Amino acid sequence: MAENTKRSVFGIHGIAGILISIVALLVILITLMLLTIITQRNAVDEAYDPSVIRDVNNLKMISVDNKNFAFKKKDK
């Protein structure tokens, strides 16, 4: 059998590969957390307004018209 001479501690399969994967996972985690914070801040500004829905029975489960009842309209 031939000896494997391409082994390296700092190769992509060694310490460097582990560090790259950890940094990538941390970047993904931070990105998702920031997107969550942005979504929550937008939900505070445009909160659900149940007063617009006068009769729940008129709403359909799957309908594009339901978007008219979901959020407050911002006055510009």
Protein backbone atom coordinates (compact mmCIF):
# COMPACT_ATOMS: atom_id res chain seq x y z
CA MET A 1 0.00 0.00 0.00
CA ALA A 2 1.12 3.49 -0.79
CA GLU A 3 1.63 5.87 2.07
CA ASN A 4 -0.69 8.86 2.29
CA THR A 5 1.72 11.81 2.01
CA LYS A 6 -0.94 14.50 1.63
CA ARG A 7 -1.82 14.61 5.32
CA SER A 8 -1.72 17.99 7.01
CA VAL A 9 -2.83 19.21 10.40
CA PHE A 10 -3.68 22.64 8.97
CA GLY A 11 -5.40 21.33 5.85
CA ILE A 12 -9.10 21.71 5.08
CA HIS A 13 -9.75 18.39 6.87
CA GLY A 14 -7.81 19.40 9.97
CA ILE A 15 -7.87 22.35 12.35
CA ALA A 16 -8.54 24.89 9.60
CA GLY A 17 -11.58 22.96 8.42
CA ILE A 18 -13.00 22.86 11.93
CA LEU A 19 -12.40 26.59 12.42
CA ILE A 20 -14.01 27.40 9.04
CA SER A 21 -17.10 25.35 9.91
CA ILE A 22 -17.40 26.95 13.38
CA VAL A 23 -17.09 30.46 11.94
CA ALA A 24 -19.66 29.64 9.25
CA LEU A 25 -22.11 28.32 11.83
CA LEU A 26 -21.63 31.41 14.01
CA VAL A 27 -22.22 33.70 11.02
CA ILE A 28 -25.44 31.82 10.20
CA LEU A 29 -26.55 32.03 13.84
CA ILE A 30 -25.90 35.78 14.06
CA THR A 31 -27.65 36.40 10.74
CA LEU A 32 -30.77 34.50 11.80
CA MET A 33 -30.84 36.28 15.17
CA LEU A 34 -30.59 39.69 13.51
CA LEU A 35 -33.38 38.79 11.07
CA THR A 36 -35.52 37.71 14.02
CA ILE A 37 -34.92 41.00 15.82
CA ILE A 38 -35.80 42.97 12.67
CA THR A 39 -38.99 40.94 12.22
CA GLN A 40 -40.04 41.51 15.83
CA ARG A 41 -39.43 45.26 15.55
CA ASN A 42 -41.54 45.40 12.39
CA ALA A 43 -44.30 43.48 14.16
CA VAL A 44 -44.34 46.13 16.89
CA ASP A 45 -44.68 48.94 14.34
CA GLU A 46 -47.33 47.17 12.23
CA ALA A 47 -49.26 45.23 14.83
CA TYR A 48 -52.23 43.01 14.12
CA ASP A 49 -55.45 45.01 14.24
CA PRO A 50 -58.47 42.80 14.94
CA SER A 51 -60.91 45.72 14.78
CA VAL A 52 -60.83 45.70 10.97
CA ILE A 53 -62.32 42.18 10.88
CA ARG A 54 -66.01 42.64 11.48
CA ASP A 55 -67.18 39.08 10.83
CA VAL A 56 -64.82 36.14 11.12
CA ASN A 57 -67.15 33.98 9.07
CA ASN A 58 -66.52 36.10 5.97
CA LEU A 59 -62.81 35.29 6.00
CA LYS A 60 -61.63 32.40 3.88
CA MET A 61 -58.85 30.10 5.03
CA ILE A 62 -56.79 30.55 1.87
CA SER A 63 -57.44 33.88 0.19
CA VAL A 64 -55.34 36.78 -1.02
CA ASP A 65 -58.07 39.17 0.19
CA ASN A 66 -57.20 38.38 3.82
CA LYS A 67 -54.13 40.62 3.56
CA ASN A 68 -56.47 43.63 3.67
CA PHE A 69 -57.50 42.70 7.22
CA ALA A 70 -54.18 41.63 8.72
CA PHE A 71 -52.18 44.78 9.41
CA LYS A 72 -52.78 48.45 10.06
CA LYS A 73 -52.22 50.78 7.18
CA LYS A 74 -49.56 53.42 7.82
CA ASP A 75 -50.69 56.98 7.26
CA LYS A 76 -48.17 58.81 5.15
